[in-house]
């Protein structure tokens, strides 16, 4: 399973990495020393960045078994003795890292599928006009079937990728046998010699070499699904050797046939196997794209739970795997974005300029955050942290700097996507805080309300559940209900929902009931950022704490707030306008909390921000 999901992205990198190095916009001349130097750079980039940094170090920074940039940020924010300024910086870094992930997710499916389908042109040049329509059709079908979940095809992922890696390794070995001298590239001296001799060209080449490690962050992001041990074994004992053999095989072929650089991967394949290889490569890139799309769905749910994005509809597509989810709004946006990118760039060579900068940005941020975790949580000495993560960070920065040169050639695209997502997330986070403060300023303290509860009005039978973001003030919906109906229910439950910086919350800690007297109760629901709230289900556990609720005798009251900009808004006017638009398009609390539709009453109120 780990083989099929985790390594889909990095497993399809041989389709385009060396082709971009020796046949891209800044081609490296094909000589024996240059080929060995590039192969050495690829080998040590994968060894240091993926095997050492991600597998050995970063996967240790698990948040209750979960990984990924949001989980890492939540873990880093739980540091002791950190200054408020440092905590703010870590929070901003985490949000920007998540935004970069969205930028990468728009590029990856387009780059992967397009590079695979371009194999048709290698086989038969007359098929070139059909490459773009075929790519678009594959991507549209891929996004269309997201609503059905990956459970049906998930069982195929592992065997297909297993066969893919075996094929990569076999093709590599077949060509290495013809030119075994390429194995000398394992010696790092060849990498240093290439950099020393071709400083400017080597720096440019790093922008293409980094394509070999794109997808390495998936080892950490998908750790919660399969566990560190399965990922480590699958990488070290199968995926990594297969990839290295294929890269070295491509290098061996290049030494014998320098003219094969523009279609290097497919040149490895015997002529009788070209069409089956194109089909296998297309299937492998679909799997790689599926892994990235699923990752976007997961990180969206995490961001919603952590208050970084507005509420969205999140559908569970499997009865047994809670990690299999579908986010309709994000799926449509991704589909439109990916198809437009394919139609705009038209080739994998053009897309390569846009690919890599978002990935390297995430790598730099991950290294910084893990370094902070090592200092504050693992209690490493600062010299040790600088020695380990300082070196790893310099390597990441070298890749990032090289990719920064490609901004004008297309690298601006993922950065623009990331900047847009960052502005949206930061505006929602800050705007939500200001919004809740305005609500609190106009609210009545709960203890004062309880003192007067018996004197206010008569009580009627039934249970009223009022959803509120705060537990110390009276919900606006309760005050409006009292104003309109002039009655109080015999039992009133004030419910608040909060999220923790851990992925999951045990059932025993899900709900806490406090009896306030006079028929009032407060109920606090706690969910992890990997979980979707289900209030009726959680309320069933309240019986054990002295609060027995019958759904058909309970009414859920929600406040529907109409936001209006104030004369002196707390945020800039454009951010107020953006926040109001985001709030108006957020999923209704009734659907987000999975409340029974026939038992919900919404009461309007106006809030000035």
Protein backbone atom coordinates (compact mmCIF):
# COMPACT_ATOMS: atom_id res chain seq x y z
CA UNK A 1 0.00 0.00 0.00
CA UNK A 2 2.80 2.43 0.86
CA UNK A 3 4.49 1.55 -2.41
CA UNK A 4 1.37 2.52 -4.34
CA UNK A 5 0.44 5.78 -2.64
CA UNK A 6 3.58 7.28 -1.13
CA UNK A 7 6.05 6.83 -3.98
CA UNK A 8 3.83 7.56 -6.98
CA UNK A 9 5.17 11.10 -7.45
CA UNK A 10 8.88 10.46 -6.96
CA UNK A 11 8.53 7.14 -8.80
CA UNK A 12 7.56 8.88 -12.05
CA UNK A 13 10.42 11.42 -11.91
CA UNK A 14 12.64 9.35 -14.28
CA UNK A 15 10.22 10.28 -17.06
CA UNK A 16 11.57 13.82 -17.21
CA UNK A 17 14.51 14.50 -14.85
CA UNK A 18 17.57 13.61 -16.95
CA UNK A 19 15.73 14.66 -20.11
CA UNK A 20 15.53 18.18 -18.64
CA UNK A 21 19.18 18.14 -17.54
CA UNK A 22 20.59 17.19 -20.93
CA UNK A 23 17.84 18.45 -23.25
CA UNK A 24 16.14 21.31 -21.41
CA UNK A 25 16.53 25.07 -21.78
CA UNK A 26 20.04 24.94 -20.22
CA UNK A 27 21.35 21.62 -21.56
CA UNK A 28 24.45 20.07 -20.07
CA UNK A 29 26.82 18.88 -22.84
CA UNK A 30 26.89 15.09 -23.07
CA UNK A 31 30.40 14.04 -22.09
CA UNK A 32 31.54 11.16 -19.92
CA UNK A 33 32.55 13.45 -17.04
CA UNK A 34 29.34 15.49 -17.24
CA UNK A 35 27.11 12.40 -17.28
CA UNK A 36 28.92 10.94 -14.27
CA UNK A 37 28.75 14.30 -12.49
CA UNK A 38 25.00 14.65 -13.03
CA UNK A 39 24.34 11.03 -12.01
CA UNK A 40 26.39 11.62 -8.87
CA UNK A 41 24.34 14.74 -8.10
CA UNK A 42 21.10 12.79 -8.57
CA UNK A 43 22.32 9.90 -6.42
CA UNK A 44 23.47 12.09 -3.54
CA UNK A 45 20.45 14.40 -3.75
CA UNK A 46 18.19 11.38 -3.29
CA UNK A 47 20.45 9.92 -0.59
CA UNK A 48 20.82 13.10 1.47
CA UNK A 49 17.47 14.80 0.95
CA UNK A 50 15.14 11.79 0.84
CA UNK A 51 16.91 8.94 2.65
CA UNK A 52 18.75 10.99 5.27
CA UNK A 53 16.61 14.06 5.83
CA UNK A 54 13.09 12.69 5.35
CA UNK A 55 13.41 9.00 6.22
CA UNK A 56 15.93 9.29 9.05
CA UNK A 57 15.13 12.66 10.63
CA UNK A 58 11.86 14.29 9.58
CA UNK A 59 9.72 11.15 9.93
CA UNK A 60 10.74 11.17 13.60
CA UNK A 61 8.82 14.45 14.00
CA UNK A 62 5.45 12.72 13.99
CA UNK A 63 2.39 14.33 15.53
CA UNK A 64 0.76 11.34 17.23
CA UNK A 65 1.78 9.23 14.24
CA UNK A 66 0.71 11.78 11.61
CA UNK A 67 2.96 13.74 9.25
CA UNK A 68 2.75 16.57 6.74
CA UNK A 69 3.43 20.28 6.88
CA UNK A 70 0.30 21.11 8.93
CA UNK A 71 0.98 18.33 11.43
CA UNK A 72 4.61 19.46 11.68
CA UNK A 73 3.54 23.06 12.26
CA UNK A 74 1.12 22.00 15.00
CA UNK A 75 3.91 19.98 16.62
CA UNK A 76 6.36 22.89 16.42
CA UNK A 77 3.82 25.27 17.97
CA UNK A 78 3.64 23.02 21.06
CA UNK A 79 7.14 24.08 22.04
CA UNK A 80 7.99 25.15 25.55
CA UNK A 81 9.83 28.39 26.33
CA UNK A 82 9.35 29.73 22.80
CA UNK A 83 8.78 33.47 22.49
CA UNK A 84 5.48 34.78 21.05
CA UNK A 85 7.39 36.17 18.08
CA UNK A 86 8.89 32.74 17.34
CA UNK A 87 5.49 31.07 17.65
CA UNK A 88 4.02 33.64 15.24
CA UNK A 89 6.88 33.03 12.78
CA UNK A 90 6.37 29.25 12.94
CA UNK A 91 2.65 29.69 12.36
CA UNK A 92 3.23 31.87 9.30
CA UNK A 93 5.85 29.44 7.97
CA UNK A 94 3.44 26.55 8.36
CA UNK A 95 0.63 28.40 6.56
CA UNK A 96 2.96 29.35 3.71
CA UNK A 97 4.24 25.77 3.50
CA UNK A 98 0.67 24.52 3.18
CA UNK A 99 0.02 27.18 0.52
CA UNK A 100 3.09 26.01 -1.43
CA UNK A 101 1.71 22.47 -1.29
CA UNK A 102 -1.37 23.70 -3.14
CA UNK A 103 0.88 25.32 -5.74
CA UNK A 104 2.73 22.05 -6.20
CA UNK A 105 -0.53 20.10 -6.43
CA UNK A 106 -1.67 22.16 -9.41
CA UNK A 107 1.56 21.40 -11.33
CA UNK A 108 2.17 17.74 -10.45
CA UNK A 109 -0.79 16.06 -12.22
CA UNK A 110 -0.25 18.15 -15.36
CA UNK A 111 3.51 17.49 -15.45
CA UNK A 112 3.27 13.78 -14.68
CA UNK A 113 0.46 12.80 -17.06
CA UNK A 114 1.70 15.03 -19.87
CA UNK A 115 5.23 13.60 -19.70
CA UNK A 116 3.85 10.06 -19.87
CA UNK A 117 1.48 10.69 -22.80
CA UNK A 118 4.29 12.41 -24.73
CA UNK A 119 5.69 8.91 -25.20
CA UNK A 120 3.17 8.57 -28.03
CA UNK A 121 5.21 11.06 -30.06
CA UNK A 122 8.36 8.99 -29.54
CA UNK A 123 6.63 5.91 -30.91
CA UNK A 124 4.79 7.61 -33.79
CA UNK A 125 5.43 11.33 -34.52
CA UNK A 126 2.07 11.50 -36.32
CA UNK A 127 0.36 11.09 -32.93
CA UNK A 128 1.68 14.44 -31.62
CA UNK A 129 -1.62 16.33 -32.23
CA UNK A 130 -3.40 13.84 -29.95
CA UNK A 131 -1.11 14.36 -26.93
CA UNK A 132 -2.92 17.38 -25.46
CA UNK A 133 -6.48 16.04 -25.94
CA UNK A 134 -5.46 12.68 -24.48
CA UNK A 135 -3.82 14.34 -21.47
CA UNK A 136 -6.84 16.57 -20.81
CA UNK A 137 -9.21 13.61 -21.15
CA UNK A 138 -7.20 11.52 -18.66
CA UNK A 139 -7.09 14.36 -16.14
CA UNK A 140 -10.81 15.18 -16.42
CA UNK A 141 -11.73 11.51 -15.94
CA UNK A 142 -9.33 11.33 -12.96
CA UNK A 143 -10.97 14.29 -11.24
CA UNK A 144 -14.46 13.10 -12.14
CA UNK A 145 -13.93 9.79 -10.35
CA UNK A 146 -12.64 11.46 -7.17
CA UNK A 147 -16.22 11.55 -5.84
CA UNK A 148 -16.26 7.75 -5.74
CA UNK A 149 -13.16 7.62 -3.53
CA UNK A 150 -9.97 5.63 -3.96
CA UNK A 151 -11.18 2.51 -2.18
CA UNK A 152 -12.25 0.80 -5.41
CA UNK A 153 -8.94 1.33 -7.21
CA UNK A 154 -6.69 1.56 -4.16
CA UNK A 155 -6.01 -2.17 -4.23
CA UNK A 156 -4.49 -1.75 -7.71
CA UNK A 157 -2.08 1.00 -6.69
CA UNK A 158 0.40 -1.20 -4.87
CA UNK A 159 0.74 -3.96 -7.50
CA UNK A 160 0.90 -1.45 -10.38
CA UNK A 161 3.63 0.61 -8.72
CA UNK A 162 5.43 -2.58 -7.72
CA UNK A 163 5.48 -3.61 -11.39
CA UNK A 164 6.46 -0.05 -12.38
CA UNK A 165 9.50 -0.03 -10.08
CA UNK A 166 10.51 -3.52 -11.20
CA UNK A 167 10.32 -2.33 -14.79
CA UNK A 168 12.38 0.77 -13.98
CA UNK A 169 15.05 -1.35 -12.32
CA UNK A 170 15.11 -3.94 -15.12
CA UNK A 171 15.46 -1.29 -17.84
CA UNK A 172 18.25 0.33 -15.87
CA UNK A 173 20.18 -2.91 -15.33
CA UNK A 174 19.84 -3.85 -19.01
CA UNK A 175 21.59 -0.62 -20.05
CA UNK A 176 24.09 -0.55 -17.18
CA UNK A 177 25.40 -3.94 -18.33
CA UNK A 178 26.30 -2.32 -21.64
CA UNK A 179 28.19 0.53 -19.94
CA UNK A 180 29.01 -0.43 -16.32
CA UNK A 181 31.37 2.53 -15.88
CA UNK A 182 28.38 4.70 -14.91
CA UNK A 183 28.38 2.99 -11.49
CA UNK A 184 31.43 5.11 -10.68
CA UNK A 185 29.00 8.01 -10.22
CA UNK A 186 28.26 6.72 -6.72
CA UNK A 187 31.54 8.41 -5.80
CA UNK A 188 30.66 11.98 -4.70
CA UNK A 189 33.94 13.20 -6.19
CA UNK A 190 32.29 13.28 -9.62
CA UNK A 191 29.58 15.62 -8.33
CA UNK A 192 32.14 17.99 -6.77
CA UNK A 193 34.30 17.86 -9.91
CA UNK A 194 31.33 18.76 -12.11
CA UNK A 195 30.37 21.69 -9.85
CA UNK A 196 33.98 22.91 -9.72
CA UNK A 197 34.42 22.77 -13.50
CA UNK A 198 31.00 24.13 -14.51
CA UNK A 199 29.96 26.44 -11.71
CA UNK A 200 27.30 28.44 -13.54
CA UNK A 201 26.02 25.50 -15.58
CA UNK A 202 26.01 23.26 -12.47
CA UNK A 203 23.93 25.83 -10.61
CA UNK A 204 21.42 25.89 -13.46
CA UNK A 205 21.45 22.09 -13.63
CA UNK A 206 20.37 21.87 -9.98
CA UNK A 207 16.98 23.23 -11.07
CA UNK A 208 16.51 20.06 -13.13
CA UNK A 209 18.26 17.66 -10.75
CA UNK A 210 15.73 18.60 -8.06
CA UNK A 211 13.04 16.97 -10.21
CA UNK A 212 14.48 13.63 -9.07
CA UNK A 213 13.40 14.29 -5.49
CA UNK A 214 10.01 15.95 -6.09
CA UNK A 215 7.55 13.79 -4.24
CA UNK A 216 9.99 13.06 -1.43
CA UNK A 217 7.84 15.12 0.94
CA UNK A 218 5.10 12.50 0.45
CA UNK A 219 7.13 10.12 2.62
CA UNK A 220 6.36 12.38 5.55
CA UNK A 221 2.90 13.56 4.51
CA UNK A 222 1.53 10.01 4.20
CA UNK A 223 3.23 8.64 7.30
CA UNK A 224 -0.02 8.53 9.25
CA UNK A 225 -1.62 6.23 6.69
CA UNK A 226 1.06 3.55 6.61
CA UNK A 227 3.50 4.15 9.46
CA UNK A 228 7.16 5.08 9.45
CA UNK A 229 8.42 1.51 9.27
CA UNK A 230 6.52 0.53 6.11
CA UNK A 231 7.57 3.73 4.33
CA UNK A 232 11.20 3.34 5.36
CA UNK A 233 11.39 -0.26 4.19
CA UNK A 234 9.59 0.39 0.91
CA UNK A 235 11.94 3.26 0.12
CA UNK A 236 15.30 1.87 1.21
CA UNK A 237 14.87 -1.67 -0.05
CA UNK A 238 12.83 -1.21 -3.20
CA UNK A 239 11.89 2.23 -4.55
CA UNK A 240 15.29 3.88 -4.01
CA UNK A 241 17.37 1.09 -5.63
CA UNK A 242 14.94 0.84 -8.57
CA UNK A 243 15.10 4.59 -9.22
CA UNK A 244 18.88 4.74 -8.98
CA UNK A 245 19.26 1.79 -11.38
CA UNK A 246 16.98 3.53 -13.89
CA UNK A 247 18.81 6.85 -13.66
CA UNK A 248 22.15 5.11 -14.09
CA UNK A 249 20.72 3.12 -17.00
CA UNK A 250 19.63 6.37 -18.66
CA UNK A 251 23.14 7.72 -18.13
CA UNK A 252 24.66 4.61 -19.70
CA UNK A 253 22.39 4.94 -22.74
CA UNK A 254 23.24 8.62 -23.04
CA UNK A 255 26.95 7.83 -23.24
CA UNK A 256 26.30 5.46 -26.13
CA UNK A 257 23.61 7.52 -27.88
CA UNK A 258 23.87 11.25 -27.00
CA UNK A 259 21.14 12.04 -29.53
CA UNK A 260 18.56 10.30 -27.29
CA UNK A 261 18.53 13.15 -24.72
CA UNK A 262 15.16 14.69 -25.82
CA UNK A 263 13.35 11.36 -25.28
CA UNK A 264 15.77 9.68 -22.91
CA UNK A 265 13.38 7.60 -20.79
CA UNK A 266 11.54 6.00 -23.70
CA UNK A 267 14.85 5.38 -25.47
CA UNK A 268 15.55 2.78 -22.76
CA UNK A 269 12.58 0.74 -23.89
CA UNK A 270 12.80 -1.87 -26.68
CA UNK A 271 10.75 -0.90 -29.74
CA UNK A 272 8.27 -3.75 -29.23
CA UNK A 273 7.44 -2.50 -25.72
CA UNK A 274 6.91 1.21 -26.49
CA UNK A 275 3.11 1.21 -26.51
CA UNK A 276 2.79 -0.95 -23.36
CA UNK A 277 5.36 1.31 -21.66
CA UNK A 278 3.38 4.44 -22.54
CA UNK A 279 0.27 2.81 -21.07
CA UNK A 280 2.14 1.73 -17.92
CA UNK A 281 3.69 5.19 -17.53
CA UNK A 282 0.28 6.84 -17.94
CA UNK A 283 -1.16 4.54 -15.27
CA UNK A 284 1.78 5.28 -12.94
CA UNK A 285 1.35 9.04 -13.40
CA UNK A 286 -2.39 8.74 -12.72
CA UNK A 287 -1.49 7.04 -9.44
CA UNK A 288 1.06 9.76 -8.71
CA UNK A 289 -1.56 12.43 -9.41
CA UNK A 290 -4.09 10.60 -7.23
CA UNK A 291 -1.67 10.66 -4.31
CA UNK A 292 -1.19 14.43 -4.65
CA UNK A 293 -4.93 15.08 -5.01
CA UNK A 294 -5.66 12.97 -1.91
CA UNK A 295 -2.96 14.93 -0.10
CA UNK A 296 -4.69 18.20 -1.01
CA UNK A 297 -7.98 16.88 0.36
CA UNK A 298 -6.26 15.85 3.61
CA UNK A 299 -4.44 19.15 4.09
CA UNK A 300 -7.69 21.03 3.35
CA UNK A 301 -9.48 19.14 6.10
CA UNK A 302 -6.61 19.83 8.49
CA UNK A 303 -6.67 23.55 7.63
CA UNK A 304 -10.45 23.74 8.14
CA UNK A 305 -10.19 22.03 11.52
CA UNK A 306 -7.33 24.28 12.61
CA UNK A 307 -9.27 27.40 11.61
CA UNK A 308 -7.07 28.28 8.64
CA UNK A 309 -9.80 27.87 6.01
CA UNK A 310 -13.60 28.35 5.97
CA UNK A 311 -15.89 25.39 6.57
CA UNK A 312 -16.22 23.17 3.50
CA UNK A 313 -18.18 20.08 2.60
CA UNK A 314 -16.03 17.03 3.32
CA UNK A 315 -17.37 13.66 2.24
CA UNK A 316 -16.07 10.34 3.52
CA UNK A 317 -15.76 7.85 0.66
CA UNK A 318 -14.94 4.75 2.69
CA UNK A 319 -16.71 3.12 5.61
CA UNK A 320 -13.47 1.67 6.95
CA UNK A 321 -10.71 4.18 6.04
CA UNK A 322 -11.34 7.61 7.58
CA UNK A 323 -8.41 9.06 5.63
CA UNK A 324 -10.29 8.59 2.35
CA UNK A 325 -12.21 11.83 1.85
CA UNK A 326 -13.51 13.98 -0.97
CA UNK A 327 -13.76 17.79 -0.94
CA UNK A 328 -16.00 18.79 -3.88
CA UNK A 329 -15.08 22.48 -3.99
CA UNK A 330 -11.33 21.82 -3.96
CA UNK A 331 -11.72 19.06 -6.55
CA UNK A 332 -13.42 21.41 -9.03
CA UNK A 333 -10.83 24.15 -8.48
CA UNK A 334 -7.95 21.70 -8.94
CA UNK A 335 -9.49 20.21 -12.09
CA UNK A 336 -9.98 23.60 -13.72
CA UNK A 337 -6.50 24.75 -12.71
CA UNK A 338 -4.70 21.61 -13.91
CA UNK A 339 -6.50 21.54 -17.29
CA UNK A 340 -5.77 25.24 -17.87
CA UNK A 341 -2.10 24.66 -17.07
CA UNK A 342 -1.89 21.82 -19.61
CA UNK A 343 -3.53 23.98 -22.28
CA UNK A 344 -1.30 26.97 -21.50
CA UNK A 345 2.10 25.23 -21.27
CA UNK A 346 1.35 22.46 -23.83
CA UNK A 347 4.49 20.37 -23.10
CA UNK A 348 6.35 18.85 -20.17
CA UNK A 349 9.48 20.78 -21.20
CA UNK A 350 7.64 24.07 -20.69
CA UNK A 351 6.07 22.82 -17.46
CA UNK A 352 9.45 21.78 -16.05
CA UNK A 353 10.25 25.47 -15.60
CA UNK A 354 7.22 25.82 -13.33
CA UNK A 355 7.84 22.54 -11.52
CA UNK A 356 10.13 22.34 -8.53
CA UNK A 357 10.07 25.76 -6.90
CA UNK A 358 7.04 24.99 -4.74
CA UNK A 359 8.52 21.64 -3.70
CA UNK A 360 11.86 23.16 -2.74
CA UNK A 361 10.05 25.86 -0.78
CA UNK A 362 8.19 23.22 1.24
CA UNK A 363 11.50 21.40 1.81
CA UNK A 364 13.16 24.53 3.20
CA UNK A 365 10.22 25.23 5.54
CA UNK A 366 10.12 21.59 6.71
CA UNK A 367 13.84 21.69 7.54
CA UNK A 368 13.43 24.89 9.56
CA UNK A 369 10.44 23.58 11.51
CA UNK A 370 12.06 20.21 12.24
CA UNK A 371 15.18 22.03 13.40
CA UNK A 372 13.04 23.99 15.87
CA UNK A 373 11.36 20.78 17.00
CA UNK A 374 14.81 19.25 17.56
CA UNK A 375 15.80 22.19 19.79
CA UNK A 376 12.61 22.62 21.81
CA UNK A 377 11.13 19.11 21.90
CA UNK A 378 13.95 16.62 21.28
CA UNK A 379 16.29 18.71 23.45
CA UNK A 380 19.16 18.57 20.97
CA UNK A 381 21.98 20.97 21.60
CA UNK A 382 22.03 23.96 19.30
CA UNK A 383 25.47 23.09 17.83
CA UNK A 384 24.15 19.64 16.88
CA UNK A 385 21.04 21.17 15.28
CA UNK A 386 23.13 23.62 13.27
CA UNK A 387 25.51 20.85 12.23
CA UNK A 388 22.74 18.56 10.97
CA UNK A 389 19.87 20.78 9.85
CA UNK A 390 22.13 23.67 8.89
CA UNK A 391 23.83 21.50 6.25
CA UNK A 392 20.50 20.05 5.10
CA UNK A 393 19.05 23.55 4.95
CA UNK A 394 21.94 24.81 2.80
CA UNK A 395 21.31 22.00 0.33
CA UNK A 396 17.61 22.86 0.23
CA UNK A 397 18.43 26.54 -0.26
CA UNK A 398 20.78 25.67 -3.14
CA UNK A 399 17.94 23.83 -4.89
CA UNK A 400 15.53 26.69 -4.12
CA UNK A 401 17.95 29.32 -5.44
CA UNK A 402 18.47 27.38 -8.67
CA UNK A 403 14.72 27.03 -9.15
CA UNK A 404 14.25 30.74 -8.41
CA UNK A 405 15.95 31.44 -11.75
CA UNK A 406 12.97 29.77 -13.43
CA UNK A 407 10.39 32.17 -11.97
CA UNK A 408 10.14 34.24 -15.14
CA UNK A 409 9.91 31.08 -17.29
CA UNK A 410 6.88 29.67 -15.49
CA UNK A 411 7.95 29.30 -11.88
CA UNK A 412 5.71 32.27 -11.10
CA UNK A 413 2.66 30.05 -11.52
CA UNK A 414 2.93 27.84 -8.40
CA UNK A 415 4.15 30.87 -6.45
CA UNK A 416 1.07 32.82 -7.56
CA UNK A 417 -1.16 29.93 -6.51
CA UNK A 418 0.66 29.67 -3.18
CA UNK A 419 0.46 33.44 -2.59
CA UNK A 420 -3.28 33.40 -3.29
CA UNK A 421 -3.86 30.49 -0.91
CA UNK A 422 -1.67 32.14 1.75
CA UNK A 423 -3.64 35.40 1.56
CA UNK A 424 -6.92 33.49 1.82
CA UNK A 425 -5.74 31.41 4.79
CA UNK A 426 -4.19 34.32 6.65
CA UNK A 427 -7.21 36.56 6.02
CA UNK A 428 -9.58 33.88 7.29
CA UNK A 429 -7.44 33.22 10.38
CA UNK A 430 -7.08 36.89 11.33
CA UNK A 431 -10.60 37.83 10.27
CA UNK A 432 -12.11 35.00 12.28
CA UNK A 433 -10.26 36.16 15.39
CA UNK A 434 -11.51 39.73 14.93
CA UNK A 435 -15.01 38.43 14.20
CA UNK A 436 -15.16 36.42 17.42
CA UNK A 437 -13.84 39.37 19.42
CA UNK A 438 -16.64 41.56 18.06
CA UNK A 439 -19.17 38.89 18.98
CA UNK A 440 -17.72 38.63 22.49
CA UNK A 441 -17.84 42.41 22.99
CA UNK A 442 -21.58 42.44 22.32
CA UNK A 443 -22.35 39.30 24.34
CA UNK A 444 -23.76 38.81 27.81
CA UNK A 445 -21.67 36.96 30.38
CA UNK A 446 -23.05 33.47 31.00
CA UNK A 447 -22.89 33.63 34.82
CA UNK A 448 -24.87 36.89 34.83
CA UNK A 449 -27.49 35.34 32.54
CA UNK A 450 -27.84 32.29 34.78
CA UNK A 451 -28.52 34.48 37.83
CA UNK A 452 -31.58 35.88 36.08
CA UNK A 453 -32.69 32.74 34.22
CA UNK A 454 -35.61 31.87 36.52
CA UNK A 455 -36.90 35.43 36.58
CA UNK A 456 -36.91 36.00 32.84
CA UNK A 457 -39.74 33.91 31.47
CA UNK A 458 -41.54 30.59 31.57
CA UNK A 459 -40.02 27.24 30.61
CA UNK A 460 -41.39 24.83 28.00
CA UNK A 461 -40.80 21.13 27.49
CA UNK A 462 -37.97 19.90 25.33
CA UNK A 463 -34.23 20.35 24.89
CA UNK A 464 -32.59 23.24 23.07
CA UNK A 465 -28.99 22.90 21.90
CA UNK A 466 -27.29 26.21 21.13
CA UNK A 467 -24.04 26.05 19.15
CA UNK A 468 -21.58 28.70 20.21
CA UNK A 469 -17.88 29.41 19.55
CA UNK A 470 -17.37 30.43 23.22
CA UNK A 471 -18.49 28.80 26.45
CA UNK A 472 -18.22 31.85 28.75
CA UNK A 473 -20.85 34.02 27.07
CA UNK A 474 -24.49 33.57 26.09
CA UNK A 475 -24.86 32.56 22.42
CA UNK A 476 -26.47 35.24 20.30
CA UNK A 477 -29.00 32.67 19.05
CA UNK A 478 -30.21 32.13 22.64
CA UNK A 479 -30.76 35.84 23.23
CA UNK A 480 -32.60 36.18 19.93
CA UNK A 481 -34.69 33.09 20.67
CA UNK A 482 -35.67 34.55 24.03
CA UNK A 483 -36.46 37.88 22.39
CA UNK A 484 -38.76 36.32 19.77
CA UNK A 485 -40.37 33.37 21.61
CA UNK A 486 -40.43 34.75 25.19
CA UNK A 487 -39.75 31.21 26.54
CA UNK A 488 -36.86 28.97 27.55
CA UNK A 489 -36.73 25.21 27.11
CA UNK A 490 -36.64 23.09 30.25
CA UNK A 491 -33.17 21.90 29.27
CA UNK A 492 -30.69 24.16 27.52
CA UNK A 493 -27.38 22.83 26.24
CA UNK A 494 -24.65 25.29 25.30
CA UNK A 495 -22.35 23.41 22.92
CA UNK A 496 -18.88 24.50 21.82
CA UNK A 497 -16.63 22.71 19.36
CA UNK A 498 -12.86 23.08 19.39
CA UNK A 499 -9.95 21.50 17.55
CA UNK A 500 -6.63 20.41 18.96
CA UNK A 501 -3.19 20.42 17.37
CA UNK A 502 -3.18 16.61 17.46
CA UNK A 503 -4.55 14.49 14.59
CA UNK A 504 -7.05 12.45 16.59
CA UNK A 505 -8.79 12.70 19.94
CA UNK A 506 -9.68 9.52 21.86
CA UNK A 507 -13.39 8.86 22.31
CA UNK A 508 -12.97 9.18 26.10
CA UNK A 509 -11.85 12.80 25.65
CA UNK A 510 -14.27 13.70 22.88
CA UNK A 511 -16.96 15.26 25.09
CA UNK A 512 -17.10 16.99 28.47
CA UNK A 513 -20.43 17.82 30.14
CA UNK A 514 -20.82 20.37 32.93
CA UNK A 515 -24.11 20.85 34.79
CA UNK A 516 -24.69 24.53 35.55
CA UNK A 517 -28.04 24.19 37.33
CA UNK A 518 -31.48 25.56 36.45
CA UNK A 519 -31.61 23.13 33.52
CA UNK A 520 -28.48 24.52 31.86
CA UNK A 521 -25.57 22.39 30.63
CA UNK A 522 -22.36 23.17 28.82
CA UNK A 523 -20.98 20.54 26.49
CA UNK A 524 -17.51 20.82 24.99
CA UNK A 525 -16.64 18.76 21.94
CA UNK A 526 -12.98 18.27 21.02
CA UNK A 527 -11.81 17.00 17.63
CA UNK A 528 -8.37 16.44 16.14
CA UNK A 529 -7.41 18.17 12.91
CA UNK A 530 -7.70 14.88 10.99
CA UNK A 531 -11.31 14.36 12.10
CA UNK A 532 -14.68 15.61 10.86
CA UNK A 533 -17.16 16.78 13.55
CA UNK A 534 -20.34 14.74 14.01
CA UNK A 535 -22.28 16.38 16.84
CA UNK A 536 -25.28 13.98 17.02
CA UNK A 537 -22.91 11.01 17.22
CA UNK A 538 -20.82 12.67 19.93
CA UNK A 539 -23.91 13.65 21.92
CA UNK A 540 -24.81 9.98 22.24
CA UNK A 541 -21.82 9.67 24.57
CA UNK A 542 -23.20 12.43 26.84
CA UNK A 543 -25.58 9.95 28.49
CA UNK A 544 -22.67 8.48 30.46
CA UNK A 545 -22.00 11.97 31.88
CA UNK A 546 -25.56 12.63 33.00
CA UNK A 547 -27.04 14.24 29.90
CA UNK A 548 -29.42 11.98 27.97
CA UNK A 549 -30.64 13.57 24.74
CA UNK A 550 -33.29 12.30 22.36
CA UNK A 551 -32.75 13.70 18.87
CA UNK A 552 -36.46 13.76 18.05
CA UNK A 553 -37.11 15.91 21.13
CA UNK A 554 -34.16 18.26 20.74
CA UNK A 555 -33.83 21.40 18.65
CA UNK A 556 -30.52 22.85 17.47
CA UNK A 557 -30.37 26.64 17.37
CA UNK A 558 -27.77 28.35 15.20
CA UNK A 559 -26.96 31.99 14.70
CA UNK A 560 -26.82 33.15 11.07
CA UNK A 561 -24.62 36.21 11.15
CA UNK A 562 -24.77 38.94 8.54
CA UNK A 563 -21.42 40.73 8.41
CA UNK A 564 -21.18 44.43 7.60
CA UNK A 565 -18.01 46.52 7.40
CA UNK A 566 -17.58 49.10 10.14
CA UNK A 567 -16.56 52.74 9.76
CA UNK A 568 -13.16 51.94 11.25
CA UNK A 569 -12.53 48.25 10.47
CA UNK A 570 -9.90 46.31 12.36
CA UNK A 571 -8.50 44.99 9.06
CA UNK A 572 -7.79 46.75 5.78
CA UNK A 573 -10.93 47.18 3.72
CA UNK A 574 -9.91 44.70 1.02
CA UNK A 575 -9.28 42.04 3.67
CA UNK A 576 -12.64 42.78 5.30
CA UNK A 577 -14.29 42.36 1.89
CA UNK A 578 -12.39 39.08 1.30
CA UNK A 579 -13.29 37.76 4.76
CA UNK A 580 -16.95 38.61 4.27
CA UNK A 581 -16.94 36.80 0.90
CA UNK A 582 -15.25 33.74 2.43
CA UNK A 583 -17.72 33.71 5.32
CA UNK A 584 -20.70 33.98 2.97
CA UNK A 585 -19.44 30.99 0.97
CA UNK A 586 -18.54 28.83 3.97
CA UNK A 587 -20.49 25.64 4.52
CA UNK A 588 -23.39 26.13 6.91
CA UNK A 589 -22.74 24.96 10.49
CA UNK A 590 -25.72 22.61 10.25
CA UNK A 591 -24.11 20.63 7.42
CA UNK A 592 -20.56 20.95 8.76
CA UNK A 593 -21.54 19.57 12.18
CA UNK A 594 -23.88 17.00 10.55
CA UNK A 595 -26.93 18.18 12.48
CA UNK A 596 -30.31 16.58 11.65
CA UNK A 597 -31.90 18.93 9.05
CA UNK A 598 -35.39 18.74 10.49
CA UNK A 599 -34.26 19.76 13.98
CA UNK A 600 -32.36 22.99 13.15
CA UNK A 601 -33.53 26.58 13.68
CA UNK A 602 -31.40 29.50 12.43
CA UNK A 603 -31.77 33.00 13.85
CA UNK A 604 -30.23 35.98 12.07
CA UNK A 605 -28.08 38.66 13.62
CA UNK A 606 -25.83 41.45 12.37
CA UNK A 607 -22.13 41.77 13.25
CA UNK A 608 -20.02 44.80 12.37
CA UNK A 609 -16.34 44.11 11.73
